[in-house]
Amino acid sequence: MATATELVVEPLRPRRDLRDWDRLSAEIRRCRKCPLHRTRTQAVVYRGSLTPRLVFVGEAPGVEEDRAGVPFVGRSGRTLDAAIARLGLAPSDYGVLNVLKCHPPGNRFDRRAARTCRPYLDRQLAWLAPQVIVSLGSPALHALEPNAPPMLEAAGRPRTTARGPLFPLIHPAAALRSRRLARRWSADVRALRRWLIALRAQPV
């Protein structure tokens, strides 16, 4: 059986200079533009392919991500990785990043810091040029599409944005909090897989 990753249309990609990505990543790691730099261990930039077809955008690094310097490596990351396996994505097909690049104290999403971080998110997505963006959680969804409906209404249904296709999912941490949300997470991941497969039937 063909996997979802085999059925995603490969977009035409602009020529990119890896030095630009390296400079951007270094700029994020040095950033002191908001108060979160005072409490972080390190900025969390990205993990995954530099030629991704799909990019997952989360909210903010957690404690484990702050220690490791890598997004989604804790319990939520394991839930996300299990979903990625179900989608049939190869390591070369996807990447993972967050709206916020520094861990917010108490895991409280800091909207003011998110506005400061926003140019970094925009520059990362512009350089990576994914075909599809998958948002994880309400802050990520509404950072990418401010006029989107509430999370549980939007999740599991693809949306068209100025940046291209966006598929909202609840945050994987939500799936760890209740059986109801775990069922919703699983159903929406299945919907994402069906949608990725359907993209192959559309003309390029």
N, C-alpha and C. Protein backbone atom coordinates (compact mmCIF):
# COMPACT_ATOMS: atom_id res chain seq x y z
N MET A 1 0.85 -1.20 0.00
CA MET A 1 0.00 0.00 0.00
C MET A 1 0.88 1.24 0.00
N ALA A 2 0.55 2.18 -0.84
CA ALA A 2 1.34 3.42 -0.90
C ALA A 2 1.16 4.21 0.38
N THR A 3 2.21 4.85 0.80
CA THR A 3 2.13 5.67 2.00
C THR A 3 1.70 7.07 1.64
N ALA A 4 1.27 7.82 2.67
CA ALA A 4 0.85 9.20 2.44
C ALA A 4 1.97 10.02 1.86
N THR A 5 3.19 9.79 2.34
CA THR A 5 4.31 10.60 1.86
C THR A 5 4.58 10.38 0.38
N GLU A 6 4.33 9.15 -0.13
CA GLU A 6 4.55 8.89 -1.54
C GLU A 6 3.51 9.58 -2.41
N LEU A 7 2.40 9.96 -1.80
CA LEU A 7 1.30 10.51 -2.57
C LEU A 7 1.18 12.01 -2.46
N VAL A 8 2.06 12.65 -1.68
CA VAL A 8 2.06 14.10 -1.60
C VAL A 8 2.78 14.66 -2.82
N VAL A 9 2.18 15.62 -3.48
CA VAL A 9 2.80 16.22 -4.66
C VAL A 9 4.03 16.99 -4.25
N GLU A 10 5.12 16.81 -4.95
CA GLU A 10 6.35 17.55 -4.67
C GLU A 10 6.27 18.92 -5.32
N PRO A 11 6.33 20.00 -4.55
CA PRO A 11 6.24 21.34 -5.13
C PRO A 11 7.55 21.75 -5.80
N LEU A 12 7.45 22.70 -6.70
CA LEU A 12 8.65 23.31 -7.24
C LEU A 12 9.29 24.17 -6.16
N ARG A 13 10.58 24.03 -5.97
CA ARG A 13 11.25 24.72 -4.88
C ARG A 13 12.20 25.78 -5.43
N PRO A 14 12.23 26.93 -4.80
CA PRO A 14 13.20 27.95 -5.22
C PRO A 14 14.61 27.52 -4.83
N ARG A 15 15.59 28.06 -5.53
CA ARG A 15 16.98 27.83 -5.14
C ARG A 15 17.23 28.54 -3.82
N ARG A 16 17.85 27.85 -2.88
CA ARG A 16 18.08 28.43 -1.56
C ARG A 16 19.52 28.23 -1.14
N ASP A 17 20.01 29.17 -0.41
CA ASP A 17 21.38 29.13 0.08
C ASP A 17 21.35 28.66 1.54
N LEU A 18 22.00 27.54 1.82
CA LEU A 18 22.01 27.00 3.17
C LEU A 18 22.61 27.98 4.16
N ARG A 19 23.49 28.86 3.68
CA ARG A 19 24.09 29.85 4.58
C ARG A 19 23.03 30.80 5.15
N ASP A 20 21.98 31.07 4.36
CA ASP A 20 20.90 31.92 4.85
C ASP A 20 20.16 31.25 6.00
N TRP A 21 19.94 29.94 5.89
CA TRP A 21 19.29 29.20 6.98
C TRP A 21 20.17 29.20 8.22
N ASP A 22 21.44 28.97 8.01
CA ASP A 22 22.36 28.94 9.15
C ASP A 22 22.42 30.30 9.85
N ARG A 23 22.41 31.38 9.07
CA ARG A 23 22.42 32.72 9.67
C ARG A 23 21.14 32.99 10.44
N LEU A 24 20.01 32.57 9.88
CA LEU A 24 18.73 32.75 10.56
C LEU A 24 18.69 31.95 11.86
N SER A 25 19.15 30.70 11.81
CA SER A 25 19.16 29.86 13.01
C SER A 25 20.05 30.46 14.09
N ALA A 26 21.20 30.97 13.69
CA ALA A 26 22.11 31.60 14.66
C ALA A 26 21.49 32.86 15.25
N GLU A 27 20.77 33.62 14.43
CA GLU A 27 20.10 34.82 14.92
C GLU A 27 19.05 34.47 15.96
N ILE A 28 18.30 33.41 15.72
CA ILE A 28 17.28 32.97 16.69
C ILE A 28 17.95 32.56 18.00
N ARG A 29 19.04 31.84 17.91
CA ARG A 29 19.72 31.37 19.14
C ARG A 29 20.29 32.53 19.95
N ARG A 30 20.66 33.62 19.27
CA ARG A 30 21.23 34.78 19.98
C ARG A 30 20.17 35.77 20.44
N CYS A 31 18.92 35.55 20.07
CA CYS A 31 17.89 36.57 20.24
C CYS A 31 17.72 36.99 21.71
N ARG A 32 17.62 38.30 21.91
CA ARG A 32 17.35 38.89 23.23
C ARG A 32 16.22 39.91 23.14
N LYS A 33 15.31 39.72 22.19
CA LYS A 33 14.31 40.75 21.89
C LYS A 33 13.12 40.76 22.84
N CYS A 34 12.95 39.72 23.64
CA CYS A 34 11.83 39.71 24.59
C CYS A 34 12.31 39.11 25.91
N PRO A 35 11.55 39.25 26.98
CA PRO A 35 12.01 38.77 28.30
C PRO A 35 12.23 37.25 28.41
N LEU A 36 11.70 36.47 27.47
CA LEU A 36 11.84 35.01 27.59
C LEU A 36 13.31 34.57 27.53
N HIS A 37 14.18 35.38 26.95
CA HIS A 37 15.58 34.97 26.88
C HIS A 37 16.22 34.88 28.26
N ARG A 38 15.63 35.58 29.24
CA ARG A 38 16.21 35.59 30.58
C ARG A 38 16.00 34.28 31.32
N THR A 39 14.95 33.56 30.97
CA THR A 39 14.62 32.32 31.71
C THR A 39 14.86 31.06 30.90
N ARG A 40 15.17 31.19 29.62
CA ARG A 40 15.39 29.99 28.80
C ARG A 40 16.75 29.38 29.10
N THR A 41 16.88 28.09 28.80
CA THR A 41 18.20 27.46 28.75
C THR A 41 18.84 27.73 27.39
N GLN A 42 18.04 27.58 26.35
CA GLN A 42 18.49 27.86 25.00
C GLN A 42 17.28 28.04 24.09
N ALA A 43 17.46 28.74 23.01
CA ALA A 43 16.39 28.87 22.02
C ALA A 43 16.24 27.54 21.27
N VAL A 44 15.03 27.27 20.85
CA VAL A 44 14.71 26.01 20.16
C VAL A 44 14.31 26.37 18.73
N VAL A 45 15.11 25.93 17.77
CA VAL A 45 14.97 26.44 16.41
C VAL A 45 14.12 25.51 15.53
N TYR A 46 14.52 24.25 15.37
CA TYR A 46 13.92 23.42 14.33
C TYR A 46 14.45 22.00 14.46
N ARG A 47 13.67 21.04 14.00
CA ARG A 47 14.19 19.70 13.74
C ARG A 47 13.55 19.17 12.48
N GLY A 48 14.32 18.43 11.71
CA GLY A 48 13.76 17.81 10.51
C GLY A 48 14.51 18.17 9.25
N SER A 49 13.89 17.83 8.14
CA SER A 49 14.46 18.03 6.82
C SER A 49 14.52 19.51 6.47
N LEU A 50 15.53 19.89 5.71
CA LEU A 50 15.60 21.26 5.20
C LEU A 50 14.95 21.37 3.82
N THR A 51 14.38 20.28 3.34
CA THR A 51 13.56 20.31 2.12
C THR A 51 12.24 19.60 2.41
N PRO A 52 11.48 20.06 3.41
CA PRO A 52 10.29 19.33 3.83
C PRO A 52 9.10 19.58 2.90
N ARG A 53 8.31 18.56 2.72
CA ARG A 53 7.03 18.74 2.04
C ARG A 53 5.98 19.27 3.02
N LEU A 54 6.15 18.95 4.28
CA LEU A 54 5.17 19.30 5.31
C LEU A 54 5.91 19.79 6.54
N VAL A 55 5.42 20.88 7.13
CA VAL A 55 6.00 21.41 8.36
C VAL A 55 4.92 21.47 9.44
N PHE A 56 5.21 20.89 10.60
CA PHE A 56 4.36 20.99 11.77
C PHE A 56 4.77 22.22 12.57
N VAL A 57 3.79 23.05 12.91
CA VAL A 57 4.06 24.27 13.68
C VAL A 57 3.35 24.17 15.02
N GLY A 58 4.12 24.09 16.11
CA GLY A 58 3.57 24.03 17.45
C GLY A 58 3.56 25.39 18.11
N GLU A 59 3.27 25.38 19.40
CA GLU A 59 3.09 26.63 20.14
C GLU A 59 4.40 27.16 20.71
N ALA A 60 5.05 26.34 21.56
CA ALA A 60 6.24 26.80 22.28
C ALA A 60 7.00 25.60 22.82
N PRO A 61 8.30 25.74 23.02
CA PRO A 61 9.06 24.65 23.63
C PRO A 61 8.61 24.40 25.08
N GLY A 62 8.62 23.14 25.48
CA GLY A 62 8.40 22.79 26.87
C GLY A 62 9.72 22.68 27.62
N VAL A 63 9.64 22.17 28.83
CA VAL A 63 10.85 22.06 29.67
C VAL A 63 11.89 21.16 29.02
N GLU A 64 11.46 20.00 28.51
CA GLU A 64 12.42 19.07 27.91
C GLU A 64 13.02 19.65 26.63
N GLU A 65 12.21 20.36 25.86
CA GLU A 65 12.73 20.99 24.65
C GLU A 65 13.73 22.09 24.99
N ASP A 66 13.46 22.82 26.06
CA ASP A 66 14.36 23.87 26.51
C ASP A 66 15.72 23.28 26.88
N ARG A 67 15.70 22.12 27.51
CA ARG A 67 16.96 21.46 27.88
C ARG A 67 17.70 20.92 26.67
N ALA A 68 16.95 20.31 25.75
CA ALA A 68 17.57 19.64 24.60
C ALA A 68 17.87 20.59 23.45
N GLY A 69 17.14 21.71 23.37
CA GLY A 69 17.32 22.61 22.24
C GLY A 69 16.69 22.10 20.97
N VAL A 70 15.73 21.17 21.10
CA VAL A 70 15.08 20.53 19.95
C VAL A 70 13.57 20.53 20.20
N PRO A 71 12.75 20.89 19.20
CA PRO A 71 11.29 20.91 19.42
C PRO A 71 10.68 19.52 19.49
N PHE A 72 9.68 19.38 20.34
CA PHE A 72 8.86 18.18 20.44
C PHE A 72 9.70 16.92 20.70
N VAL A 73 10.37 16.91 21.85
CA VAL A 73 11.14 15.73 22.25
C VAL A 73 10.59 15.10 23.53
N GLY A 74 9.57 15.73 24.15
CA GLY A 74 8.99 15.18 25.37
C GLY A 74 7.81 14.27 25.06
N ARG A 75 6.86 14.19 26.01
CA ARG A 75 5.70 13.31 25.81
C ARG A 75 4.88 13.74 24.61
N SER A 76 4.68 15.03 24.44
CA SER A 76 3.94 15.51 23.27
C SER A 76 4.67 15.14 21.99
N GLY A 77 5.99 15.22 22.03
CA GLY A 77 6.78 14.86 20.87
C GLY A 77 6.64 13.39 20.51
N ARG A 78 6.57 12.54 21.50
CA ARG A 78 6.39 11.12 21.22
C ARG A 78 5.01 10.85 20.61
N THR A 79 4.00 11.59 21.08
CA THR A 79 2.68 11.47 20.48
C THR A 79 2.70 11.95 19.04
N LEU A 80 3.37 13.07 18.79
CA LEU A 80 3.50 13.58 17.42
C LEU A 80 4.26 12.60 16.54
N ASP A 81 5.35 12.05 17.04
CA ASP A 81 6.14 11.12 16.23
C ASP A 81 5.34 9.87 15.88
N ALA A 82 4.49 9.40 16.79
CA ALA A 82 3.64 8.25 16.49
C ALA A 82 2.66 8.59 15.37
N ALA A 83 2.13 9.82 15.39
CA ALA A 83 1.23 10.26 14.32
C ALA A 83 1.98 10.37 12.99
N ILE A 84 3.19 10.89 13.03
CA ILE A 84 4.00 11.00 11.81
C ILE A 84 4.24 9.62 11.21
N ALA A 85 4.48 8.63 12.06
CA ALA A 85 4.66 7.27 11.56
C ALA A 85 3.38 6.77 10.90
N ARG A 86 2.22 7.08 11.49
CA ARG A 86 0.95 6.65 10.89
C ARG A 86 0.72 7.34 9.54
N LEU A 87 1.21 8.56 9.41
CA LEU A 87 1.07 9.27 8.15
C LEU A 87 1.99 8.71 7.07
N GLY A 88 2.96 7.93 7.44
CA GLY A 88 3.89 7.35 6.48
C GLY A 88 4.94 8.33 6.00
N LEU A 89 5.22 9.37 6.79
CA LEU A 89 6.20 10.37 6.38
C LEU A 89 7.61 9.87 6.68
N ALA A 90 8.49 10.01 5.71
CA ALA A 90 9.90 9.71 5.90
C ALA A 90 10.59 10.92 6.53
N PRO A 91 11.75 10.72 7.17
CA PRO A 91 12.46 11.86 7.77
C PRO A 91 12.73 13.00 6.80
N SER A 92 12.89 12.69 5.53
CA SER A 92 13.17 13.74 4.54
C SER A 92 11.93 14.54 4.15
N ASP A 93 10.76 14.11 4.63
CA ASP A 93 9.50 14.72 4.19
C ASP A 93 8.98 15.84 5.09
N TYR A 94 9.49 15.95 6.31
CA TYR A 94 8.83 16.87 7.24
C TYR A 94 9.82 17.58 8.14
N GLY A 95 9.33 18.64 8.77
CA GLY A 95 10.07 19.36 9.78
C GLY A 95 9.12 19.81 10.88
N VAL A 96 9.70 20.21 12.01
CA VAL A 96 8.91 20.59 13.18
C VAL A 96 9.52 21.86 13.78
N LEU A 97 8.68 22.84 14.07
CA LEU A 97 9.15 24.05 14.74
C LEU A 97 8.02 24.61 15.59
N ASN A 98 8.28 25.71 16.28
CA ASN A 98 7.30 26.35 17.14
C ASN A 98 7.15 27.83 16.81
N VAL A 99 6.00 28.39 17.17
CA VAL A 99 5.80 29.83 17.05
C VAL A 99 6.78 30.56 17.97
N LEU A 100 6.77 30.21 19.25
CA LEU A 100 7.74 30.74 20.21
C LEU A 100 9.03 29.93 20.13
N LYS A 101 10.14 30.60 20.21
CA LYS A 101 11.43 29.90 20.13
C LYS A 101 12.04 29.65 21.51
N CYS A 102 11.46 30.23 22.55
CA CYS A 102 11.95 30.04 23.92
C CYS A 102 10.84 29.51 24.81
N HIS A 103 11.21 28.70 25.78
CA HIS A 103 10.25 28.11 26.71
C HIS A 103 9.64 29.20 27.59
N PRO A 104 8.31 29.35 27.59
CA PRO A 104 7.68 30.33 28.47
C PRO A 104 7.48 29.75 29.88
N PRO A 105 7.80 30.49 30.91
CA PRO A 105 7.62 29.97 32.28
C PRO A 105 6.19 29.48 32.52
N GLY A 106 6.10 28.33 33.17
CA GLY A 106 4.79 27.76 33.45
C GLY A 106 4.08 27.22 32.23
N ASN A 107 4.78 27.12 31.11
CA ASN A 107 4.18 26.65 29.86
C ASN A 107 3.00 27.52 29.42
N ARG A 108 2.99 28.77 29.84
CA ARG A 108 1.92 29.68 29.44
C ARG A 108 2.32 30.40 28.16
N PHE A 109 1.52 30.21 27.12
CA PHE A 109 1.84 30.83 25.83
C PHE A 109 1.83 32.35 25.98
N ASP A 110 2.91 32.99 25.59
CA ASP A 110 3.10 34.43 25.75
C ASP A 110 2.81 35.12 24.42
N ARG A 111 1.64 35.75 24.31
CA ARG A 111 1.24 36.35 23.04
C ARG A 111 2.12 37.53 22.65
N ARG A 112 2.57 38.29 23.64
CA ARG A 112 3.45 39.41 23.33
C ARG A 112 4.78 38.91 22.76
N ALA A 113 5.33 37.87 23.39
CA ALA A 113 6.57 37.28 22.86
C ALA A 113 6.34 36.68 21.49
N ALA A 114 5.14 36.11 21.26
CA ALA A 114 4.83 35.53 19.95
C ALA A 114 4.86 36.59 18.86
N ARG A 115 4.41 37.79 19.17
CA ARG A 115 4.48 38.86 18.17
C ARG A 115 5.92 39.22 17.86
N THR A 116 6.78 39.16 18.87
CA THR A 116 8.20 39.43 18.65
C THR A 116 8.84 38.32 17.83
N CYS A 117 8.42 37.07 18.09
CA CYS A 117 8.98 35.92 17.38
C CYS A 117 8.45 35.78 15.96
N ARG A 118 7.34 36.41 15.66
CA ARG A 118 6.66 36.15 14.39
C ARG A 118 7.55 36.31 13.15
N PRO A 119 8.41 37.34 13.08
CA PRO A 119 9.27 37.42 11.90
C PRO A 119 10.17 36.20 11.72
N TYR A 120 10.60 35.59 12.82
CA TYR A 120 11.42 34.38 12.70
C TYR A 120 10.59 33.25 12.09
N LEU A 121 9.35 33.08 12.56
CA LEU A 121 8.48 32.05 12.00
C LEU A 121 8.26 32.28 10.51
N ASP A 122 7.96 33.51 10.13
CA ASP A 122 7.73 33.82 8.72
C ASP A 122 8.96 33.54 7.87
N ARG A 123 10.12 33.90 8.38
CA ARG A 123 11.35 33.68 7.61
C ARG A 123 11.69 32.19 7.51
N GLN A 124 11.44 31.45 8.58
CA GLN A 124 11.68 30.00 8.52
C GLN A 124 10.78 29.34 7.48
N LEU A 125 9.49 29.67 7.52
CA LEU A 125 8.56 29.05 6.58
C LEU A 125 8.85 29.48 5.14
N ALA A 126 9.25 30.72 4.96
CA ALA A 126 9.59 31.19 3.61
C ALA A 126 10.79 30.44 3.07
N TRP A 127 11.78 30.19 3.92
CA TRP A 127 12.98 29.49 3.46
C TRP A 127 12.70 28.01 3.23
N LEU A 128 11.96 27.38 4.14
CA LEU A 128 11.67 25.95 4.03
C LEU A 128 10.71 25.65 2.88
N ALA A 129 9.79 26.56 2.61
CA ALA A 129 8.83 26.45 1.49
C ALA A 129 8.11 25.11 1.47
N PRO A 130 7.46 24.73 2.57
CA PRO A 130 6.72 23.46 2.55
C PRO A 130 5.48 23.55 1.69
N GLN A 131 5.04 22.41 1.19
CA GLN A 131 3.79 22.38 0.45
C GLN A 131 2.60 22.54 1.38
N VAL A 132 2.72 21.96 2.58
CA VAL A 132 1.62 21.93 3.54
C VAL A 132 2.15 22.33 4.91
N ILE A 133 1.35 23.10 5.66
CA ILE A 133 1.64 23.41 7.05
C ILE A 133 0.57 22.76 7.91
N VAL A 134 0.98 22.09 8.98
CA VAL A 134 0.06 21.52 9.95
C VAL A 134 0.26 22.25 11.27
N SER A 135 -0.78 22.95 11.71
CA SER A 135 -0.69 23.66 12.99
C SER A 135 -1.08 22.72 14.12
N LEU A 136 -0.43 22.89 15.26
CA LEU A 136 -0.66 22.04 16.43
C LEU A 136 -1.12 22.93 17.59
N GLY A 137 -2.41 22.95 17.84
CA GLY A 137 -2.93 23.74 18.93
C GLY A 137 -3.44 25.10 18.50
N SER A 138 -4.25 25.71 19.36
CA SER A 138 -4.91 26.97 19.03
C SER A 138 -3.94 28.13 18.80
N PRO A 139 -2.94 28.37 19.67
CA PRO A 139 -2.04 29.49 19.41
C PRO A 139 -1.32 29.40 18.07
N ALA A 140 -0.92 28.19 17.68
CA ALA A 140 -0.25 28.03 16.39
C ALA A 140 -1.23 28.29 15.25
N LEU A 141 -2.43 27.73 15.35
CA LEU A 141 -3.44 27.95 14.31
C LEU A 141 -3.71 29.44 14.13
N HIS A 142 -3.94 30.14 15.23
CA HIS A 142 -4.33 31.54 15.11
C HIS A 142 -3.16 32.48 14.85
N ALA A 143 -1.94 32.00 15.09
CA ALA A 143 -0.77 32.76 14.63
C ALA A 143 -0.67 32.70 13.11
N LEU A 144 -1.02 31.56 12.54
CA LEU A 144 -0.93 31.37 11.10
C LEU A 144 -2.16 31.90 10.37
N GLU A 145 -3.31 31.82 11.03
CA GLU A 145 -4.56 32.32 10.43
C GLU A 145 -5.40 32.96 11.53
N PRO A 146 -5.22 34.25 11.76
CA PRO A 146 -5.90 34.92 12.88
C PRO A 146 -7.41 34.81 12.85
N ASN A 147 -8.02 34.68 11.67
CA ASN A 147 -9.47 34.65 11.57
C ASN A 147 -10.04 33.23 11.58
N ALA A 148 -9.22 32.25 11.89
CA ALA A 148 -9.70 30.87 11.94
C ALA A 148 -10.70 30.71 13.09
N PRO A 149 -11.63 29.76 12.96
CA PRO A 149 -12.58 29.53 14.05
C PRO A 149 -11.90 28.89 15.25
N PRO A 150 -12.63 28.66 16.35
CA PRO A 150 -12.03 28.00 17.51
C PRO A 150 -11.43 26.65 17.16
N MET A 151 -10.47 26.23 17.97
CA MET A 151 -9.65 25.07 17.67
C MET A 151 -10.47 23.82 17.35
N LEU A 152 -11.41 23.47 18.22
CA LEU A 152 -12.15 22.23 18.03
C LEU A 152 -13.07 22.29 16.82
N GLU A 153 -13.42 23.47 16.39
CA GLU A 153 -14.20 23.61 15.16
C GLU A 153 -13.31 23.48 13.94
N ALA A 154 -12.10 24.00 14.02
CA ALA A 154 -11.20 24.01 12.86
C ALA A 154 -10.45 22.70 12.67
N ALA A 155 -10.15 22.00 13.76
CA ALA A 155 -9.27 20.84 13.69
C ALA A 155 -9.84 19.74 12.79
N GLY A 156 -8.94 19.15 12.02
CA GLY A 156 -9.32 18.03 11.18
C GLY A 156 -9.83 18.40 9.81
N ARG A 157 -9.82 19.71 9.48
CA ARG A 157 -10.33 20.16 8.19
C ARG A 157 -9.29 21.08 7.54
N PRO A 158 -8.89 20.81 6.30
CA PRO A 158 -7.90 21.66 5.65
C PRO A 158 -8.46 23.04 5.37
N ARG A 159 -7.56 24.03 5.40
CA ARG A 159 -7.93 25.41 5.14
C ARG A 159 -6.99 25.99 4.08
N THR A 160 -7.50 26.96 3.36
CA THR A 160 -6.70 27.65 2.35
C THR A 160 -6.28 29.00 2.92
N THR A 161 -4.99 29.28 2.91
CA THR A 161 -4.47 30.54 3.42
C THR A 161 -3.59 31.18 2.35
N ALA A 162 -3.20 32.42 2.62
CA ALA A 162 -2.31 33.11 1.68
C ALA A 162 -0.98 32.39 1.54
N ARG A 163 -0.58 31.66 2.57
CA ARG A 163 0.68 30.93 2.53
C ARG A 163 0.54 29.58 1.85
N GLY A 164 -0.70 29.11 1.69
CA GLY A 164 -0.94 27.80 1.08
C GLY A 164 -1.82 26.96 1.99
N PRO A 165 -1.90 25.66 1.72
CA PRO A 165 -2.77 24.78 2.51
C PRO A 165 -2.32 24.69 3.97
N LEU A 166 -3.30 24.76 4.86
CA LEU A 166 -3.07 24.64 6.31
C LEU A 166 -4.02 23.59 6.85
N PHE A 167 -3.49 22.64 7.60
CA PHE A 167 -4.33 21.60 8.20
C PHE A 167 -4.19 21.71 9.72
N PRO A 168 -5.23 22.16 10.43
CA PRO A 168 -5.14 22.30 11.88
C PRO A 168 -5.36 20.97 12.61
N LEU A 169 -4.55 20.74 13.61
CA LEU A 169 -4.74 19.65 14.56
C LEU A 169 -4.75 20.23 15.97
N ILE A 170 -5.44 19.56 16.89
CA ILE A 170 -5.28 19.92 18.30
C ILE A 170 -3.83 19.64 18.69
N HIS A 171 -3.39 20.22 19.78
CA HIS A 171 -2.02 19.97 20.22
C HIS A 171 -1.90 18.54 20.72
N PRO A 172 -0.80 17.85 20.40
CA PRO A 172 -0.67 16.47 20.89
C PRO A 172 -0.73 16.35 22.40
N ALA A 173 -0.36 17.40 23.12
CA ALA A 173 -0.48 17.35 24.58
C ALA A 173 -1.93 17.19 25.01
N ALA A 174 -2.87 17.74 24.21
CA ALA A 174 -4.29 17.61 24.54
C ALA A 174 -4.72 16.15 24.50
N ALA A 175 -4.12 15.40 23.56
CA ALA A 175 -4.48 13.98 23.43
C ALA A 175 -4.04 13.17 24.64
N LEU A 176 -3.12 13.72 25.42
CA LEU A 176 -2.64 13.03 26.63
C LEU A 176 -3.50 13.35 27.84
N ARG A 177 -4.40 14.33 27.71
CA ARG A 177 -5.15 14.80 28.87
C ARG A 177 -6.49 14.09 29.07
N SER A 178 -7.07 13.58 27.99
CA SER A 178 -8.37 12.92 28.14
C SER A 178 -8.58 11.93 27.01
N ARG A 179 -9.43 10.93 27.28
CA ARG A 179 -9.75 9.95 26.25
C ARG A 179 -10.50 10.60 25.09
N ARG A 180 -11.36 11.54 25.42
CA ARG A 180 -12.13 12.21 24.36
C ARG A 180 -11.21 12.92 23.39
N LEU A 181 -10.24 13.66 23.92
CA LEU A 181 -9.32 14.37 23.03
C LEU A 181 -8.35 13.42 22.36
N ALA A 182 -8.02 12.30 22.99
CA ALA A 182 -7.19 11.29 22.34
C ALA A 182 -7.91 10.72 21.13
N ARG A 183 -9.21 10.48 21.27
CA ARG A 183 -9.99 9.98 20.13
C ARG A 183 -10.06 11.04 19.04
N ARG A 184 -10.22 12.29 19.44
CA ARG A 184 -10.27 13.37 18.44
C ARG A 184 -8.93 13.49 17.71
N TRP A 185 -7.84 13.41 18.43
CA TRP A 185 -6.52 13.46 17.82
C TRP A 185 -6.36 12.35 16.79
N SER A 186 -6.71 11.13 17.17
CA SER A 186 -6.56 10.00 16.25
C SER A 186 -7.42 10.17 15.00
N ALA A 187 -8.66 10.63 15.19
CA ALA A 187 -9.55 10.82 14.05
C ALA A 187 -9.02 11.91 13.12
N ASP A 188 -8.49 12.98 13.69
CA ASP A 188 -8.00 14.08 12.86
C ASP A 188 -6.70 13.71 12.14
N VAL A 189 -5.87 12.89 12.77
CA VAL A 189 -4.67 12.40 12.09
C VAL A 189 -5.07 11.53 10.90
N ARG A 190 -6.09 10.70 11.08
CA ARG A 190 -6.57 9.89 9.96
C ARG A 190 -7.10 10.79 8.84
N ALA A 191 -7.81 11.85 9.22
CA ALA A 191 -8.31 12.79 8.21
C ALA A 191 -7.16 13.47 7.47
N LEU A 192 -6.10 13.80 8.19
CA LEU A 192 -4.92 14.41 7.57
C LEU A 192 -4.31 13.43 6.56
N ARG A 193 -4.20 12.18 6.93
CA ARG A 193 -3.62 11.20 6.01
C ARG A 193 -4.46 11.07 4.74
N ARG A 194 -5.79 11.01 4.89
CA ARG A 194 -6.66 10.92 3.70
C ARG A 194 -6.50 12.15 2.82
N TRP A 195 -6.38 13.31 3.45
CA TRP A 195 -6.24 14.54 2.69
C TRP A 195 -4.91 14.58 1.94
N LEU A 196 -3.84 14.15 2.59
CA LEU A 196 -2.53 14.12 1.92
C LEU A 196 -2.57 13.19 0.71
N ILE A 197 -3.24 12.07 0.85
CA ILE A 197 -3.36 11.14 -0.27
C ILE A 197 -4.17 11.79 -1.40
N ALA A 198 -5.24 12.50 -1.05
CA ALA A 198 -6.09 13.13 -2.06
C ALA A 198 -5.34 14.22 -2.84
N LEU A 199 -4.34 14.85 -2.21
CA LEU A 199 -3.58 15.88 -2.91
C LEU A 199 -2.92 15.33 -4.19
N ARG A 200 -2.59 14.06 -4.17
CA ARG A 200 -1.91 13.46 -5.33
C ARG A 200 -2.79 13.46 -6.56
N ALA A 201 -4.11 13.44 -6.34
CA ALA A 201 -5.04 13.40 -7.48
C ALA A 201 -5.27 14.77 -8.07
N GLN A 202 -4.78 15.83 -7.41
CA GLN A 202 -5.00 17.15 -7.94
C GLN A 202 -3.91 17.52 -8.93
N PRO A 203 -4.25 18.25 -9.99
CA PRO A 203 -3.22 18.65 -10.95
C PRO A 203 -2.23 19.60 -10.33
N VAL A 204 -0.97 19.48 -10.71
CA VAL A 204 0.09 20.36 -10.19
C VAL A 204 0.05 21.68 -10.94
